[in-house]
Protein backbone atom coordinates (compact mmCIF):
# COMPACT_ATOMS: atom_id res chain seq x y z
CA UNK A 1 126.42 82.14 114.01
CA UNK A 2 124.47 84.46 116.29
CA UNK A 3 127.67 86.40 116.89
CA UNK A 4 128.32 86.49 113.15
CA UNK A 5 124.84 87.73 112.36
CA UNK A 6 125.13 90.48 114.95
CA UNK A 7 128.01 91.88 112.90
CA UNK A 8 126.10 92.10 109.64
CA UNK A 9 125.63 95.85 109.86
CA UNK A 10 129.17 96.54 110.98
CA UNK A 11 132.20 97.41 108.86
CA UNK A 12 133.81 94.81 106.65
CA UNK A 13 136.23 92.50 108.30
CA UNK A 14 138.27 89.87 106.62
CA UNK A 15 137.29 86.26 106.31
CA UNK A 16 140.51 84.31 105.99
CA UNK A 17 140.09 81.22 103.90
CA UNK A 18 141.75 79.62 100.93
CA UNK A 19 140.17 79.26 97.55
CA UNK A 20 140.18 81.22 94.37
CA UNK A 21 138.78 84.64 94.08
CA UNK A 22 139.16 88.10 92.76
CA UNK A 23 141.84 90.26 94.25
CA UNK A 24 145.27 88.64 94.20
CA UNK A 25 147.17 91.20 96.24
CA UNK A 26 148.99 90.04 99.34
CA UNK A 27 147.47 92.92 101.30
CA UNK A 28 143.81 92.95 102.34
CA UNK A 29 141.30 94.95 100.28
CA UNK A 30 140.46 98.50 101.25
CA UNK A 31 137.61 98.76 103.73
CA UNK A 32 134.34 100.50 102.89
CA UNK A 33 133.50 103.78 104.48
CA UNK A 34 131.77 103.79 107.84
CA UNK A 35 128.58 104.92 106.13
CA UNK A 36 128.34 101.69 104.11
CA UNK A 37 126.28 99.42 106.34
CA UNK A 38 125.51 96.83 103.64
CA UNK A 39 128.94 95.22 103.84
CA UNK A 40 129.85 92.95 106.70
CA UNK A 41 132.58 90.59 107.63
CA UNK A 42 133.20 87.29 109.22
CA UNK A 43 136.44 85.76 110.39
CA UNK A 44 137.58 82.19 110.02
CA UNK A 45 139.54 79.99 112.34
CA UNK A 46 143.21 79.46 111.60
CA UNK A 47 142.79 76.02 110.13
CA UNK A 48 145.17 76.20 107.20
CA UNK A 49 148.83 75.40 106.83
CA UNK A 50 149.96 78.83 107.98
CA UNK A 51 152.21 79.17 104.92
CA UNK A 52 150.00 80.92 102.39
CA UNK A 53 151.53 83.00 99.63
CA UNK A 54 149.30 86.07 99.52
CA UNK A 55 145.53 86.34 99.62
CA UNK A 56 142.54 86.28 97.31
CA UNK A 57 139.25 88.03 97.95
CA UNK A 58 135.78 86.75 97.06
CA UNK A 59 132.59 88.70 97.51
CA UNK A 60 129.29 87.22 98.65
CA UNK A 61 126.01 89.04 98.00
CA UNK A 62 122.81 87.82 99.62
CA UNK A 63 119.85 88.82 101.80
CA UNK A 64 121.56 88.87 105.18
CA UNK A 65 118.67 90.88 106.63
CA UNK A 66 115.02 91.25 105.67
CA UNK A 67 112.28 88.74 104.96
CA UNK A 68 114.59 86.39 103.03
CA UNK A 69 117.44 86.39 105.56
CA UNK A 70 117.16 82.61 105.92
CA UNK A 71 118.61 82.36 102.42
CA UNK A 72 121.44 84.77 103.15
CA UNK A 73 122.42 82.97 106.32
CA UNK A 74 122.39 79.63 104.49
CA UNK A 75 124.57 81.00 101.70
CA UNK A 76 127.12 82.40 104.13
CA UNK A 77 127.28 79.17 106.10
CA UNK A 78 127.77 77.05 102.99
CA UNK A 79 130.56 79.33 101.84
CA UNK A 80 132.27 79.32 105.22
CA UNK A 81 132.32 75.54 105.28
CA UNK A 82 133.69 75.21 101.75
CA UNK A 83 136.46 77.70 102.28
CA UNK A 84 137.44 76.29 105.66
CA UNK A 85 137.89 72.90 104.01
CA UNK A 86 139.94 74.40 101.21
CA UNK A 87 142.09 76.26 103.72
CA UNK A 88 142.71 73.09 105.67
CA UNK A 89 143.92 71.46 102.45
CA UNK A 90 146.44 74.24 101.83
CA UNK A 91 144.47 76.77 99.88
CA UNK A 92 144.20 77.52 96.18
CA UNK A 93 147.38 78.22 94.22
CA UNK A 94 149.11 78.75 97.55
CA UNK A 95 146.88 81.71 98.43
CA UNK A 96 144.48 82.37 101.28
CA UNK A 97 141.07 83.88 100.64
CA UNK A 98 139.38 86.80 102.33
CA UNK A 99 135.60 86.79 101.96
CA UNK A 100 133.60 90.00 102.12
CA UNK A 101 129.85 89.67 102.68
CA UNK A 102 127.48 92.30 101.28
CA UNK A 103 123.81 92.48 102.26
CA UNK A 104 121.30 93.12 99.46
CA UNK A 105 118.33 92.87 101.85
CA UNK A 106 116.45 90.96 99.13
CA UNK A 107 116.05 94.19 97.13
CA UNK A 108 117.28 94.73 93.57
CA UNK A 109 118.44 98.31 94.15
CA UNK A 110 120.31 97.30 97.29
CA UNK A 111 121.86 94.43 95.37
CA UNK A 112 123.37 96.80 92.81
CA UNK A 113 124.73 98.96 95.63
CA UNK A 114 126.24 95.89 97.27
CA UNK A 115 127.82 94.85 93.97
CA UNK A 116 129.34 98.28 93.40
CA UNK A 117 130.72 98.33 96.94
CA UNK A 118 132.50 95.02 96.42
CA UNK A 119 133.85 96.05 93.02
CA UNK A 120 135.15 99.32 94.50
CA UNK A 121 137.34 97.19 96.76
CA UNK A 122 138.93 95.48 93.78
CA UNK A 123 136.94 92.27 94.10
CA UNK A 124 136.66 90.51 90.74
CA UNK A 125 134.83 87.28 91.67
CA UNK A 126 131.47 87.42 93.41
CA UNK A 127 129.06 84.70 94.52
CA UNK A 128 125.44 85.88 94.47
CA UNK A 129 122.78 86.88 94.54
CA UNK A 130 120.13 84.58 96.00
CA UNK A 131 117.02 85.54 94.04
CA UNK A 132 116.47 86.02 90.33
CA UNK A 133 115.16 89.55 90.84
CA UNK A 134 118.29 90.68 92.68
CA UNK A 135 120.69 88.83 90.41
CA UNK A 136 119.05 90.34 87.32
CA UNK A 137 119.97 93.77 88.69
CA UNK A 138 123.71 93.06 88.57
CA UNK A 139 124.33 90.81 85.57
CA UNK A 140 124.90 93.68 83.14
CA UNK A 141 127.21 95.41 85.62
CA UNK A 142 129.22 92.20 85.97
CA UNK A 143 129.70 92.02 82.21
CA UNK A 144 130.70 95.69 81.97
CA UNK A 145 133.13 95.48 84.89
CA UNK A 146 134.65 92.16 83.87
CA UNK A 147 133.63 90.61 87.20
CA UNK A 148 132.92 86.88 87.45
CA UNK A 149 129.43 86.49 88.92
CA UNK A 150 128.31 83.00 89.88
CA UNK A 151 124.88 82.71 91.43
CA UNK A 152 124.01 79.69 93.53
CA UNK A 153 120.25 79.97 93.21
CA UNK A 154 118.95 82.51 90.67
CA UNK A 155 117.00 80.21 88.36
CA UNK A 156 115.33 82.61 85.89
CA UNK A 157 116.32 81.70 82.33
CA UNK A 158 117.18 85.34 81.60
CA UNK A 159 119.97 85.44 84.21
CA UNK A 160 122.53 84.10 81.75
CA UNK A 161 121.85 83.52 78.07
CA UNK A 162 125.30 83.87 76.46
CA UNK A 163 128.99 83.24 76.98
CA UNK A 164 129.96 86.09 79.31
CA UNK A 165 130.95 86.67 82.94
CA UNK A 166 127.77 85.27 84.52
CA UNK A 167 127.43 81.63 85.65
CA UNK A 168 125.35 79.61 88.07
CA UNK A 169 125.35 76.38 90.07
CA UNK A 170 121.57 75.84 89.90
CA UNK A 171 119.31 74.65 87.12
CA UNK A 172 117.34 77.24 85.14
CA UNK A 173 113.58 77.62 85.47
CA UNK A 174 112.77 76.07 82.10
CA UNK A 175 114.36 72.90 83.49
CA UNK A 176 112.81 73.29 86.94
CA UNK A 177 109.37 73.77 85.42
CA UNK A 178 109.88 70.63 83.36
CA UNK A 179 111.06 68.72 86.44
CA UNK A 180 107.77 69.64 88.11
CA UNK A 181 105.75 68.71 85.02
CA UNK A 182 107.56 65.37 84.78
CA UNK A 183 106.57 64.63 88.37
CA UNK A 184 102.95 65.65 87.69
CA UNK A 185 102.87 63.28 84.75
CA UNK A 186 104.46 60.47 86.80
CA UNK A 187 101.79 60.87 89.47
CA UNK A 188 98.95 60.72 86.94
CA UNK A 189 97.55 64.24 87.41
CA UNK A 190 95.80 65.52 84.28
CA UNK A 191 94.32 68.88 85.40
CA UNK A 192 96.45 71.56 87.08
CA UNK A 193 96.19 75.20 88.07
CA UNK A 194 98.86 77.85 88.64
CA UNK A 195 99.32 80.82 90.95
CA UNK A 196 102.17 83.31 90.48
CA UNK A 197 103.26 86.80 91.39
CA UNK A 198 102.88 88.55 88.05
CA UNK A 199 105.50 91.17 88.96
CA UNK A 200 108.25 88.76 90.00
CA UNK A 201 110.84 87.36 87.59
CA UNK A 202 111.24 84.07 89.43
CA UNK A 203 107.59 83.38 90.20
CA UNK A 204 106.08 84.26 86.83
CA UNK A 205 108.98 82.81 84.87
CA UNK A 206 108.79 79.46 86.64
CA UNK A 207 105.02 79.23 86.25
CA UNK A 208 105.36 80.01 82.53
CA UNK A 209 107.97 77.26 82.21
CA UNK A 210 105.74 74.81 84.05
CA UNK A 211 102.73 75.61 81.86
CA UNK A 212 104.78 75.14 78.69
CA UNK A 213 106.09 71.81 79.95
CA UNK A 214 102.58 70.70 80.88
CA UNK A 215 101.34 71.55 77.40
CA UNK A 216 104.09 69.44 75.82
CA UNK A 217 103.14 66.54 78.10
CA UNK A 218 99.40 66.76 77.47
CA UNK A 219 98.52 68.07 80.95
CA UNK A 220 95.61 70.55 80.99
CA UNK A 221 95.96 73.89 82.80
CA UNK A 222 92.40 74.56 83.99
CA UNK A 223 92.95 77.81 85.94
CA UNK A 224 95.55 80.58 86.20
CA UNK A 225 95.60 83.04 89.10
CA UNK A 226 98.07 85.65 90.36
CA UNK A 227 98.97 88.07 93.13
CA UNK A 228 100.57 91.49 92.85
CA UNK A 229 103.32 90.81 95.39
CA UNK A 230 105.60 88.00 96.53
CA UNK A 231 104.76 89.14 100.06
CA UNK A 232 101.07 88.34 99.62
CA UNK A 233 99.36 87.11 102.77
CA UNK A 234 95.93 86.18 101.40
CA UNK A 235 95.55 83.36 98.89
CA UNK A 236 91.94 82.47 99.70
CA UNK A 237 90.33 83.70 96.48
CA UNK A 238 92.98 82.13 94.28
CA UNK A 239 92.56 78.68 95.83
CA UNK A 240 88.76 78.95 95.84
CA UNK A 241 89.05 79.41 92.08
CA UNK A 242 91.27 76.33 91.86
CA UNK A 243 88.75 74.24 93.75
CA UNK A 244 85.92 75.40 91.48
CA UNK A 245 87.96 74.69 88.35
CA UNK A 246 88.62 71.11 89.41
CA UNK A 247 92.41 71.43 89.60
CA UNK A 248 93.97 68.21 90.89
CA UNK A 249 97.28 69.96 91.60
CA UNK A 250 98.08 73.65 91.99
CA UNK A 251 101.54 74.94 91.10
CA UNK A 252 102.07 78.03 93.31
CA UNK A 253 105.46 79.76 93.22
CA UNK A 254 106.37 81.83 96.27
CA UNK A 255 109.09 81.95 98.93
CA UNK A 256 109.06 80.29 102.33
CA UNK A 257 107.89 83.43 104.17
CA UNK A 258 104.56 83.24 102.31
CA UNK A 259 104.30 79.46 101.96
CA UNK A 260 104.76 78.47 105.61
CA UNK A 261 102.43 80.87 107.41
CA UNK A 262 99.83 81.65 104.72
CA UNK A 263 99.60 79.86 101.39
CA UNK A 264 99.17 76.23 102.38
CA UNK A 265 96.79 76.67 105.31
CA UNK A 266 94.64 79.18 103.40
CA UNK A 267 94.38 76.77 100.48
CA UNK A 268 92.72 74.24 102.74
CA UNK A 269 90.40 76.72 104.43
CA UNK A 270 89.34 77.91 100.95
CA UNK A 271 88.12 74.40 100.22
CA UNK A 272 90.95 73.22 98.02
CA UNK A 273 91.78 69.60 98.94
CA UNK A 274 94.13 68.64 96.07
CA UNK A 275 97.90 68.57 95.81
CA UNK A 276 100.01 71.74 96.07
CA UNK A 277 103.39 72.02 94.40
CA UNK A 278 106.06 74.68 94.47
CA UNK A 279 109.65 75.38 93.52
CA UNK A 280 112.96 75.63 95.33
CA UNK A 281 111.71 78.76 97.10
CA UNK A 282 109.73 76.48 99.43
CA UNK A 283 112.99 75.39 101.05
CA UNK A 284 112.93 76.67 104.64
CA UNK A 285 109.13 76.82 104.95
CA UNK A 286 109.02 74.47 107.95
CA UNK A 287 110.57 77.17 110.10
CA UNK A 288 107.72 79.57 109.29
CA UNK A 289 104.66 77.49 110.08
CA UNK A 290 102.36 79.15 112.62
CA UNK A 291 101.74 77.09 115.73
CA UNK A 292 98.19 75.95 116.38
CA UNK A 293 97.04 75.67 112.76
CA UNK A 294 95.77 72.42 111.29
CA UNK A 295 99.08 70.73 110.54
CA UNK A 296 97.41 68.14 108.32
CA UNK A 297 97.11 70.93 105.74
CA UNK A 298 100.75 70.24 104.88
CA UNK A 299 100.02 66.75 103.62
CA UNK A 300 100.09 66.38 99.85
CA UNK A 301 102.45 69.34 99.40
CA UNK A 302 105.42 68.88 97.05
CA UNK A 303 108.29 71.02 95.79
CA UNK A 304 111.25 70.75 93.47
CA UNK A 305 114.73 71.24 94.84
CA UNK A 306 118.39 71.02 93.88
CA UNK A 307 119.29 68.30 96.35
CA UNK A 308 117.93 66.30 99.27
CA UNK A 309 119.97 66.15 102.49
CA UNK A 310 118.86 62.55 103.08
CA UNK A 311 120.34 61.42 99.74
CA UNK A 312 122.73 58.51 100.54
CA UNK A 313 125.20 59.79 97.93
CA UNK A 314 128.65 59.98 99.57
CA UNK A 315 129.28 63.59 98.54
CA UNK A 316 125.93 64.67 99.96
CA UNK A 317 126.37 62.85 103.26
CA UNK A 318 129.94 64.10 103.72
CA UNK A 319 128.74 67.66 103.19
CA UNK A 320 125.71 67.30 105.47
CA UNK A 321 127.79 65.75 108.27
CA UNK A 322 130.41 68.50 108.09
CA UNK A 323 127.73 71.22 107.96
CA UNK A 324 125.84 69.80 110.93
CA UNK A 325 129.05 69.56 112.93
CA UNK A 326 129.95 73.16 112.15
CA UNK A 327 126.53 74.79 112.48
CA UNK A 328 124.29 72.32 114.33
CA UNK A 329 121.56 72.25 111.69
CA UNK A 330 120.69 70.49 108.45
CA UNK A 331 121.73 72.49 105.36
CA UNK A 332 119.06 73.73 102.98
CA UNK A 333 119.74 73.92 99.25
CA UNK A 334 121.07 77.50 99.42
CA UNK A 335 123.93 76.26 101.60
CA UNK A 336 124.67 73.33 99.29
CA UNK A 337 124.58 75.45 96.15
CA UNK A 338 126.83 78.16 97.57
CA UNK A 339 129.23 75.47 98.77
CA UNK A 340 129.24 74.14 95.19
CA UNK A 341 129.92 77.64 93.81
CA UNK A 342 133.06 77.89 95.88
CA UNK A 343 134.37 74.56 94.70
CA UNK A 344 133.55 75.39 91.07
CA UNK A 345 135.62 78.56 91.38
CA UNK A 346 138.43 76.71 93.11
CA UNK A 347 138.50 74.01 90.43
CA UNK A 348 138.55 76.62 87.66
CA UNK A 349 141.45 78.50 89.27
CA UNK A 350 143.44 75.33 89.89
CA UNK A 351 142.90 74.13 86.33
CA UNK A 352 143.91 77.35 84.60
CA UNK A 353 146.64 78.14 87.12
CA UNK A 354 145.40 81.65 87.80
CA UNK A 355 142.87 83.35 90.07
CA UNK A 356 142.38 86.58 88.14
CA UNK A 357 138.82 87.17 86.99
CA UNK A 358 139.48 86.89 83.24
CA UNK A 359 141.29 83.56 83.57
CA UNK A 360 138.65 82.07 85.87
CA UNK A 361 135.93 83.27 83.49
CA UNK A 362 137.63 81.57 80.56
CA UNK A 363 137.98 78.32 82.48
CA UNK A 364 134.35 78.34 83.65
CA UNK A 365 133.36 78.82 80.01
CA UNK A 366 134.90 75.46 79.12
CA UNK A 367 131.82 73.33 78.46
CA UNK A 368 133.88 70.13 78.64
CA UNK A 369 134.79 70.66 82.31
CA UNK A 370 132.94 68.41 84.75
CA UNK A 371 132.10 69.56 88.27
CA UNK A 372 131.43 66.84 90.83
CA UNK A 373 129.38 68.73 93.39
CA UNK A 374 126.96 68.15 96.24
CA UNK A 375 124.00 69.04 94.02
CA UNK A 376 125.13 66.75 91.22
CA UNK A 377 127.82 66.06 88.65
CA UNK A 378 127.48 68.38 85.68
CA UNK A 379 129.05 70.54 83.00
CA UNK A 380 128.03 74.10 82.15
CA UNK A 381 126.42 74.85 78.83
CA UNK A 382 127.45 77.74 76.59
CA UNK A 383 125.41 80.15 78.70
CA UNK A 384 127.09 79.09 81.95
CA UNK A 385 124.15 77.03 83.27
CA UNK A 386 124.29 73.41 84.46
CA UNK A 387 122.18 70.81 82.72
CA UNK A 388 120.98 68.50 85.44
CA UNK A 389 117.90 67.02 87.02
CA UNK A 390 116.50 67.61 90.47
CA UNK A 391 114.49 66.10 93.27
CA UNK A 392 110.90 66.36 94.44
CA UNK A 393 110.34 66.59 98.18
CA UNK A 394 107.09 66.38 100.11
CA UNK A 395 105.95 67.75 103.44
CA UNK A 396 103.99 65.42 105.69
CA UNK A 397 102.25 65.59 109.05
CA UNK A 398 102.73 62.76 111.55
CA UNK A 399 100.11 63.03 114.34
CA UNK A 400 101.99 60.39 116.35
CA UNK A 401 104.87 62.83 116.92
CA UNK A 402 104.36 65.16 119.86
CA UNK A 403 105.70 68.70 119.59
CA UNK A 404 107.71 70.12 122.48
CA UNK A 405 105.69 73.02 123.93
CA UNK A 406 108.87 74.62 125.27
CA UNK A 407 110.36 75.16 121.78
CA UNK A 408 109.22 76.86 118.58
CA UNK A 409 110.02 73.81 116.47
CA UNK A 410 107.13 71.83 115.00
CA UNK A 411 108.54 68.31 114.91
CA UNK A 412 105.31 66.66 113.77
CA UNK A 413 105.74 68.14 110.28
CA UNK A 414 108.64 66.76 108.30
CA UNK A 415 109.91 66.46 104.76
CA UNK A 416 111.11 63.51 102.68
CA UNK A 417 112.28 62.66 99.19
CA UNK A 418 109.57 61.27 96.92
CA UNK A 419 111.14 61.35 93.46
CA UNK A 420 114.38 61.99 91.61
CA UNK A 421 114.02 63.46 88.12
CA UNK A 422 117.09 63.00 85.91
CA UNK A 423 118.03 65.11 82.92
CA UNK A 424 116.97 62.19 80.72
CA UNK A 425 113.40 62.58 82.02
CA UNK A 426 113.15 66.14 80.74
CA UNK A 427 111.84 67.51 77.47
CA UNK A 428 113.55 70.92 77.63
């Protein structure tokens, strides 16, 4: 993958794989101009039957560079694995796929540029983007252009609200907030606080959903704090307020690049000793913990997620084993969700017998279709969103585990599944 990542600012090359996608020409799509550095390419191994009838092209938009690049890398890896498997099985409708990767750098304006670049190449099916803020910037364009857009991980309720060209593989925030509230209720907490970035669609939207779910469950919100940026590096005052208010659990919604190095450790130094809970944006935080801090700060920290890699479910373990063999690491949820996106598209194309965008859109809009995926078995509702539960994972510090001083990995901090919340447990 290091070689792949080094190409991210190069011109688009073709990623040969078989699945369903946008362009159905037998010739590859036109390449972007040399000035377009947001589009990159990866190539696949020749693992298919060698007898494909034409090609299909799928676009992938994600943060391949910037502070959220961990998400982009995970998305690309999950997609590569899914399409390699599909290729090995003979492809979709006899066609081989070319995947074009566009970097949005975690920025909404860059995301729209990336979308337009892919569409200019005739690509009619796109997986992306990673965050709600970026995805919100391209949903209207997808509708206007007639481009199927399926996001693996944009959870804001506003991403898709009607039957159109926009779909997702993840739950929406009103469900994720209720999953968190259900866990809070299960654990017996009665007083909670919240911290959000008031300017961010994902952060504020998820906190609002959590507060509404807490109200319906009789859980008191005793304090509400905020920051102006998702890149905040000082949470001391916010957690001092939580400690003074008597919050037993604080629901703080940020991404891994703030959670790992800043949020959790500063909560403890501010005198807050209660539980901390977050959303799926916490996934990947273990790789961003600063060495030398008090690792016990990560005890009693929980977060909702779309799947748990230790789940004994056969589909999960088959995926995890294949991913670890291919990439040498355990897949985070962004890999699993993007992998699911590819198989949802493939199933839709196979079922309707066509890979053009309009036909795939119509098939994905069938609310009776069932998708058996890594992150669950589900159907899409009329807005294109799955109705499903989730898992709650906790971080923990084990002082008996010695960290290797010759590596950057902190092995004494781990994560484990603590609860599975089903759709039947939810009020939304």
